[in-house]
Amino acid sequence: MDSLQERVVATLRLALERLTRLNLVKKQTFTYKVGRQLRNINTDDVYYVVTTPFPHKLQLVAKNLRAEFVGNLKQLDQECDFLLKISQSCLINPKNIAEIDLRTRTITLFDGEKLKYARSCGRQLRELKQN
């Protein structure tokens, strides 16, 4: 009976450890849907998400990836804590910001790409730059 109890406790500990590891992996990925496929990408690789000229379509720009998917920017802003809204049409990952120019209101990413940000986000980006 004692050996059975030890095996059950060991199995429960292993299951708990695996669930914890799975939740950490889930939190660190960005999931988007293309057609009937669900695709995952590491959150650190995401540069920004921007609207397209077509209604309800978003463009994901990441390290070595550009993809379009159906979505809503406002809803994505609420769901993804790691993204920061810099304008009406753009969400950016603050981890990939190389430089913020407050005078010209531009953000330079690590890959050299430059994005304009809205005046209303100036205070928020100023605080981000100081940190």
N, C-alpha and C. Protein backbone atom coordinates (compact mmCIF):
# COMPACT_ATOMS: atom_id res chain seq x y z
N MET A 1 0.82 -1.20 0.00
CA MET A 1 0.00 0.00 0.00
C MET A 1 0.87 1.27 0.00
N ASP A 2 1.98 1.22 0.75
CA ASP A 2 2.87 2.38 0.81
C ASP A 2 3.53 2.66 -0.54
N SER A 3 3.95 1.60 -1.22
CA SER A 3 4.59 1.80 -2.52
C SER A 3 3.59 2.34 -3.55
N LEU A 4 2.34 1.90 -3.45
CA LEU A 4 1.30 2.41 -4.34
C LEU A 4 1.05 3.89 -4.09
N GLN A 5 1.02 4.26 -2.83
CA GLN A 5 0.82 5.67 -2.47
C GLN A 5 1.99 6.53 -2.99
N GLU A 6 3.20 6.04 -2.87
CA GLU A 6 4.37 6.77 -3.35
C GLU A 6 4.32 6.95 -4.87
N ARG A 7 3.91 5.90 -5.58
CA ARG A 7 3.81 5.98 -7.04
C ARG A 7 2.74 6.98 -7.47
N VAL A 8 1.60 7.00 -6.76
CA VAL A 8 0.53 7.94 -7.08
C VAL A 8 1.00 9.37 -6.85
N VAL A 9 1.68 9.61 -5.73
CA VAL A 9 2.18 10.95 -5.42
C VAL A 9 3.22 11.38 -6.46
N ALA A 10 4.10 10.49 -6.86
CA ALA A 10 5.12 10.81 -7.86
C ALA A 10 4.47 11.13 -9.21
N THR A 11 3.45 10.37 -9.56
CA THR A 11 2.74 10.61 -10.82
C THR A 11 2.03 11.95 -10.80
N LEU A 12 1.40 12.29 -9.69
CA LEU A 12 0.72 13.57 -9.56
C LEU A 12 1.71 14.74 -9.63
N ARG A 13 2.86 14.59 -9.01
CA ARG A 13 3.89 15.64 -9.07
C ARG A 13 4.37 15.84 -10.51
N LEU A 14 4.59 14.74 -11.22
CA LEU A 14 5.02 14.82 -12.60
C LEU A 14 3.96 15.49 -13.47
N ALA A 15 2.69 15.14 -13.26
CA ALA A 15 1.60 15.75 -14.02
C ALA A 15 1.52 17.25 -13.74
N LEU A 16 1.65 17.64 -12.48
CA LEU A 16 1.61 19.06 -12.11
C LEU A 16 2.76 19.82 -12.73
N GLU A 17 3.95 19.22 -12.73
CA GLU A 17 5.12 19.86 -13.34
C GLU A 17 4.92 20.05 -14.84
N ARG A 18 4.37 19.06 -15.52
CA ARG A 18 4.14 19.16 -16.96
C ARG A 18 3.07 20.20 -17.28
N LEU A 19 2.02 20.29 -16.48
CA LEU A 19 0.98 21.30 -16.69
C LEU A 19 1.55 22.71 -16.50
N THR A 20 2.39 22.89 -15.50
CA THR A 20 3.00 24.19 -15.26
C THR A 20 3.88 24.58 -16.44
N ARG A 21 4.67 23.64 -16.94
CA ARG A 21 5.54 23.91 -18.09
C ARG A 21 4.72 24.24 -19.32
N LEU A 22 3.61 23.54 -19.54
CA LEU A 22 2.74 23.78 -20.68
C LEU A 22 2.13 25.17 -20.62
N ASN A 23 1.70 25.61 -19.43
CA ASN A 23 1.13 26.94 -19.28
C ASN A 23 2.16 28.03 -19.57
N LEU A 24 3.41 27.82 -19.18
CA LEU A 24 4.45 28.79 -19.48
C LEU A 24 4.69 28.89 -20.98
N VAL A 25 4.69 27.77 -21.66
CA VAL A 25 4.88 27.78 -23.10
C VAL A 25 3.70 28.45 -23.78
N LYS A 26 2.50 28.21 -23.29
CA LYS A 26 1.31 28.80 -23.88
C LYS A 26 1.34 30.32 -23.75
N LYS A 27 1.80 30.83 -22.62
CA LYS A 27 1.83 32.27 -22.39
C LYS A 27 2.87 32.95 -23.26
N GLN A 28 3.89 32.24 -23.71
CA GLN A 28 4.97 32.85 -24.45
C GLN A 28 4.82 32.73 -25.96
N THR A 29 3.65 32.32 -26.43
CA THR A 29 3.44 32.22 -27.86
C THR A 29 2.25 33.08 -28.29
N PHE A 30 2.33 33.54 -29.52
CA PHE A 30 1.25 34.30 -30.13
C PHE A 30 0.60 33.38 -31.15
N THR A 31 -0.70 33.19 -31.04
CA THR A 31 -1.42 32.28 -31.93
C THR A 31 -2.31 33.09 -32.86
N TYR A 32 -2.24 32.77 -34.14
CA TYR A 32 -3.12 33.40 -35.12
C TYR A 32 -3.62 32.32 -36.07
N LYS A 33 -4.73 32.62 -36.74
CA LYS A 33 -5.38 31.64 -37.59
C LYS A 33 -5.30 32.08 -39.05
N VAL A 34 -4.79 31.21 -39.90
CA VAL A 34 -4.75 31.44 -41.33
C VAL A 34 -5.57 30.33 -41.97
N GLY A 35 -6.71 30.71 -42.51
CA GLY A 35 -7.62 29.70 -43.07
C GLY A 35 -8.11 28.78 -41.96
N ARG A 36 -7.82 27.51 -42.09
CA ARG A 36 -8.21 26.55 -41.05
C ARG A 36 -7.04 26.12 -40.19
N GLN A 37 -5.90 26.76 -40.38
CA GLN A 37 -4.70 26.40 -39.61
C GLN A 37 -4.47 27.39 -38.48
N LEU A 38 -4.12 26.87 -37.32
CA LEU A 38 -3.68 27.70 -36.20
C LEU A 38 -2.16 27.69 -36.19
N ARG A 39 -1.57 28.85 -36.17
CA ARG A 39 -0.11 28.94 -36.17
C ARG A 39 0.35 29.64 -34.91
N ASN A 40 1.47 29.20 -34.38
CA ASN A 40 2.06 29.78 -33.17
C ASN A 40 3.42 30.38 -33.51
N ILE A 41 3.72 31.48 -32.84
CA ILE A 41 5.02 32.12 -33.00
C ILE A 41 5.43 32.63 -31.63
N ASN A 42 6.71 32.60 -31.35
CA ASN A 42 7.24 33.09 -30.08
C ASN A 42 6.96 34.59 -29.97
N THR A 43 6.53 35.04 -28.80
CA THR A 43 6.19 36.45 -28.62
C THR A 43 7.40 37.36 -28.80
N ASP A 44 8.59 36.87 -28.50
CA ASP A 44 9.78 37.70 -28.65
C ASP A 44 10.12 37.96 -30.13
N ASP A 45 9.64 37.09 -31.01
CA ASP A 45 9.91 37.25 -32.44
C ASP A 45 8.94 38.22 -33.12
N VAL A 46 7.84 38.56 -32.47
CA VAL A 46 6.84 39.46 -33.05
C VAL A 46 7.35 40.89 -32.98
N TYR A 47 7.38 41.58 -34.13
CA TYR A 47 7.76 42.99 -34.18
C TYR A 47 6.52 43.87 -34.02
N TYR A 48 5.55 43.70 -34.90
CA TYR A 48 4.32 44.49 -34.79
C TYR A 48 3.20 43.84 -35.58
N VAL A 49 1.98 44.32 -35.30
CA VAL A 49 0.78 43.92 -36.04
C VAL A 49 0.13 45.19 -36.53
N VAL A 50 -0.20 45.24 -37.82
CA VAL A 50 -0.75 46.45 -38.42
C VAL A 50 -1.97 46.08 -39.26
N THR A 51 -2.89 47.03 -39.42
CA THR A 51 -4.07 46.79 -40.25
C THR A 51 -3.67 46.84 -41.73
N THR A 52 -4.48 46.21 -42.57
CA THR A 52 -4.27 46.22 -44.02
C THR A 52 -5.38 47.05 -44.66
N PRO A 53 -5.26 47.36 -45.94
CA PRO A 53 -6.34 48.10 -46.61
C PRO A 53 -7.66 47.31 -46.70
N PHE A 54 -7.57 46.00 -46.53
CA PHE A 54 -8.77 45.17 -46.60
C PHE A 54 -9.42 45.09 -45.22
N PRO A 55 -10.74 45.19 -45.13
CA PRO A 55 -11.42 45.17 -43.84
C PRO A 55 -11.20 43.86 -43.09
N HIS A 56 -11.01 43.97 -41.78
CA HIS A 56 -10.87 42.83 -40.87
C HIS A 56 -9.65 41.96 -41.14
N LYS A 57 -8.65 42.51 -41.81
CA LYS A 57 -7.42 41.77 -42.06
C LYS A 57 -6.28 42.49 -41.36
N LEU A 58 -5.43 41.72 -40.71
CA LEU A 58 -4.26 42.25 -40.03
C LEU A 58 -3.01 41.63 -40.62
N GLN A 59 -1.91 42.37 -40.55
CA GLN A 59 -0.64 41.85 -41.01
C GLN A 59 0.30 41.72 -39.82
N LEU A 60 0.84 40.54 -39.64
CA LEU A 60 1.81 40.26 -38.59
C LEU A 60 3.20 40.36 -39.19
N VAL A 61 4.05 41.18 -38.58
CA VAL A 61 5.43 41.30 -39.01
C VAL A 61 6.29 40.81 -37.86
N ALA A 62 7.06 39.77 -38.15
CA ALA A 62 7.91 39.15 -37.13
C ALA A 62 9.27 38.86 -37.72
N LYS A 63 10.13 38.32 -36.91
CA LYS A 63 11.46 37.95 -37.36
C LYS A 63 11.31 36.88 -38.44
N ASN A 64 11.76 37.17 -39.64
CA ASN A 64 11.71 36.26 -40.79
C ASN A 64 10.30 35.84 -41.18
N LEU A 65 9.29 36.69 -40.91
CA LEU A 65 7.92 36.31 -41.22
C LEU A 65 7.05 37.53 -41.45
N ARG A 66 6.23 37.46 -42.48
CA ARG A 66 5.14 38.41 -42.71
C ARG A 66 3.93 37.57 -43.06
N ALA A 67 2.86 37.74 -42.29
CA ALA A 67 1.66 36.93 -42.52
C ALA A 67 0.42 37.79 -42.34
N GLU A 68 -0.61 37.48 -43.11
CA GLU A 68 -1.90 38.16 -42.97
C GLU A 68 -2.91 37.18 -42.40
N PHE A 69 -3.74 37.70 -41.52
CA PHE A 69 -4.78 36.88 -40.92
C PHE A 69 -5.99 37.74 -40.62
N VAL A 70 -7.13 37.09 -40.46
CA VAL A 70 -8.37 37.79 -40.15
C VAL A 70 -8.39 38.09 -38.66
N GLY A 71 -8.73 39.34 -38.32
CA GLY A 71 -8.77 39.71 -36.91
C GLY A 71 -9.20 41.14 -36.71
N ASN A 72 -9.27 41.52 -35.46
CA ASN A 72 -9.68 42.85 -35.05
C ASN A 72 -8.58 43.42 -34.17
N LEU A 73 -8.05 44.59 -34.51
CA LEU A 73 -6.95 45.18 -33.77
C LEU A 73 -7.32 45.50 -32.34
N LYS A 74 -8.53 45.99 -32.14
CA LYS A 74 -8.98 46.34 -30.79
C LYS A 74 -9.05 45.09 -29.90
N GLN A 75 -9.59 44.03 -30.43
CA GLN A 75 -9.70 42.79 -29.68
C GLN A 75 -8.30 42.20 -29.40
N LEU A 76 -7.41 42.28 -30.37
CA LEU A 76 -6.05 41.79 -30.21
C LEU A 76 -5.32 42.59 -29.14
N ASP A 77 -5.57 43.89 -29.08
CA ASP A 77 -4.97 44.74 -28.06
C ASP A 77 -5.40 44.31 -26.66
N GLN A 78 -6.65 43.94 -26.52
CA GLN A 78 -7.16 43.50 -25.22
C GLN A 78 -6.64 42.12 -24.83
N GLU A 79 -6.46 41.24 -25.80
CA GLU A 79 -6.05 39.87 -25.52
C GLU A 79 -4.55 39.71 -25.30
N CYS A 80 -3.74 40.49 -25.99
CA CYS A 80 -2.28 40.32 -25.95
C CYS A 80 -1.64 41.41 -25.09
N ASP A 81 -1.21 41.02 -23.91
CA ASP A 81 -0.60 41.97 -22.98
C ASP A 81 0.78 42.43 -23.43
N PHE A 82 1.45 41.63 -24.24
CA PHE A 82 2.81 41.97 -24.62
C PHE A 82 2.87 43.00 -25.74
N LEU A 83 1.73 43.32 -26.37
CA LEU A 83 1.70 44.31 -27.45
C LEU A 83 1.26 45.67 -26.92
N LEU A 84 1.83 46.72 -27.47
CA LEU A 84 1.55 48.10 -27.07
C LEU A 84 0.95 48.84 -28.26
N LYS A 85 -0.17 49.52 -28.04
CA LYS A 85 -0.83 50.26 -29.12
C LYS A 85 -0.13 51.60 -29.31
N ILE A 86 0.38 51.84 -30.53
CA ILE A 86 1.07 53.10 -30.80
C ILE A 86 0.30 54.00 -31.75
N SER A 87 -0.73 53.46 -32.38
CA SER A 87 -1.61 54.26 -33.23
C SER A 87 -2.91 53.48 -33.43
N GLN A 88 -3.82 54.07 -34.17
CA GLN A 88 -5.10 53.41 -34.42
C GLN A 88 -4.94 52.14 -35.22
N SER A 89 -3.85 52.04 -35.95
CA SER A 89 -3.70 50.91 -36.86
C SER A 89 -2.49 50.04 -36.57
N CYS A 90 -1.84 50.21 -35.41
CA CYS A 90 -0.60 49.46 -35.18
C CYS A 90 -0.42 49.09 -33.70
N LEU A 91 -0.07 47.84 -33.48
CA LEU A 91 0.35 47.33 -32.17
C LEU A 91 1.80 46.89 -32.31
N ILE A 92 2.62 47.21 -31.32
CA ILE A 92 4.04 46.92 -31.41
C ILE A 92 4.51 46.15 -30.18
N ASN A 93 5.53 45.34 -30.34
CA ASN A 93 6.14 44.62 -29.23
C ASN A 93 7.26 45.49 -28.67
N PRO A 94 7.12 46.01 -27.44
CA PRO A 94 8.14 46.91 -26.90
C PRO A 94 9.53 46.28 -26.74
N LYS A 95 9.60 44.96 -26.68
CA LYS A 95 10.90 44.29 -26.53
C LYS A 95 11.77 44.45 -27.77
N ASN A 96 11.17 44.76 -28.90
CA ASN A 96 11.92 44.85 -30.15
C ASN A 96 12.17 46.29 -30.59
N ILE A 97 11.99 47.24 -29.68
CA ILE A 97 12.25 48.64 -30.00
C ILE A 97 13.73 48.93 -29.77
N ALA A 98 14.39 49.42 -30.80
CA ALA A 98 15.80 49.79 -30.68
C ALA A 98 15.95 51.25 -30.26
N GLU A 99 15.08 52.12 -30.81
CA GLU A 99 15.22 53.55 -30.55
C GLU A 99 13.86 54.24 -30.68
N ILE A 100 13.64 55.22 -29.80
CA ILE A 100 12.43 56.04 -29.87
C ILE A 100 12.87 57.48 -30.06
N ASP A 101 12.44 58.10 -31.16
CA ASP A 101 12.75 59.50 -31.43
C ASP A 101 11.51 60.32 -31.10
N LEU A 102 11.55 61.02 -29.98
CA LEU A 102 10.39 61.78 -29.51
C LEU A 102 10.14 63.03 -30.35
N ARG A 103 11.18 63.56 -30.98
CA ARG A 103 11.04 64.77 -31.78
C ARG A 103 10.30 64.49 -33.09
N THR A 104 10.69 63.42 -33.79
CA THR A 104 10.05 63.10 -35.06
C THR A 104 8.91 62.09 -34.91
N ARG A 105 8.68 61.63 -33.70
CA ARG A 105 7.64 60.65 -33.37
C ARG A 105 7.77 59.37 -34.19
N THR A 106 9.00 58.82 -34.20
CA THR A 106 9.24 57.57 -34.89
C THR A 106 9.87 56.55 -33.94
N ILE A 107 9.57 55.30 -34.22
CA ILE A 107 10.14 54.18 -33.47
C ILE A 107 10.96 53.37 -34.46
N THR A 108 12.21 53.08 -34.07
CA THR A 108 13.07 52.24 -34.90
C THR A 108 13.17 50.88 -34.24
N LEU A 109 12.93 49.84 -35.03
CA LEU A 109 13.02 48.47 -34.53
C LEU A 109 14.43 47.94 -34.73
N PHE A 110 14.72 46.79 -34.14
CA PHE A 110 16.05 46.19 -34.27
C PHE A 110 16.41 45.82 -35.70
N ASP A 111 15.41 45.57 -36.54
CA ASP A 111 15.71 45.23 -37.94
C ASP A 111 15.87 46.47 -38.81
N GLY A 112 15.77 47.68 -38.21
CA GLY A 112 15.97 48.92 -38.94
C GLY A 112 14.70 49.56 -39.45
N GLU A 113 13.58 48.89 -39.35
CA GLU A 113 12.31 49.43 -39.83
C GLU A 113 11.84 50.56 -38.90
N LYS A 114 11.24 51.60 -39.50
CA LYS A 114 10.76 52.75 -38.73
C LYS A 114 9.25 52.84 -38.82
N LEU A 115 8.63 53.14 -37.67
CA LEU A 115 7.17 53.29 -37.59
C LEU A 115 6.85 54.62 -36.94
N LYS A 116 5.80 55.26 -37.42
CA LYS A 116 5.30 56.49 -36.80
C LYS A 116 4.35 56.13 -35.67
N TYR A 117 4.35 56.93 -34.62
CA TYR A 117 3.39 56.70 -33.54
C TYR A 117 2.53 57.94 -33.32
N ALA A 118 1.37 57.74 -32.74
CA ALA A 118 0.41 58.83 -32.53
C ALA A 118 0.88 59.73 -31.38
N ARG A 119 0.49 60.99 -31.47
CA ARG A 119 0.82 61.96 -30.42
C ARG A 119 0.30 61.52 -29.06
N SER A 120 -0.85 60.89 -29.05
CA SER A 120 -1.47 60.48 -27.79
C SER A 120 -0.66 59.41 -27.05
N CYS A 121 0.23 58.74 -27.75
CA CYS A 121 1.07 57.70 -27.13
C CYS A 121 2.42 58.25 -26.68
N GLY A 122 2.64 59.53 -26.85
CA GLY A 122 3.93 60.13 -26.52
C GLY A 122 4.33 59.95 -25.08
N ARG A 123 3.42 60.18 -24.15
CA ARG A 123 3.73 60.06 -22.73
C ARG A 123 4.10 58.62 -22.38
N GLN A 124 3.33 57.70 -22.90
CA GLN A 124 3.55 56.28 -22.64
C GLN A 124 4.93 55.83 -23.17
N LEU A 125 5.29 56.31 -24.35
CA LEU A 125 6.58 55.95 -24.94
C LEU A 125 7.73 56.66 -24.25
N ARG A 126 7.49 57.87 -23.75
CA ARG A 126 8.51 58.59 -22.99
C ARG A 126 8.86 57.79 -21.73
N GLU A 127 7.84 57.28 -21.03
CA GLU A 127 8.06 56.46 -19.85
C GLU A 127 8.78 55.16 -20.21
N LEU A 128 8.42 54.59 -21.35
CA LEU A 128 9.07 53.37 -21.80
C LEU A 128 10.55 53.62 -22.11
N LYS A 129 10.85 54.77 -22.70
CA LYS A 129 12.22 55.12 -23.04
C LYS A 129 13.06 55.31 -21.78
N GLN A 130 12.46 55.91 -20.74
CA GLN A 130 13.18 56.13 -19.50
C GLN A 130 13.49 54.82 -18.78
N ASN A 131 12.61 53.86 -18.92
CA ASN A 131 12.83 52.56 -18.27
C ASN A 131 13.80 51.73 -19.07
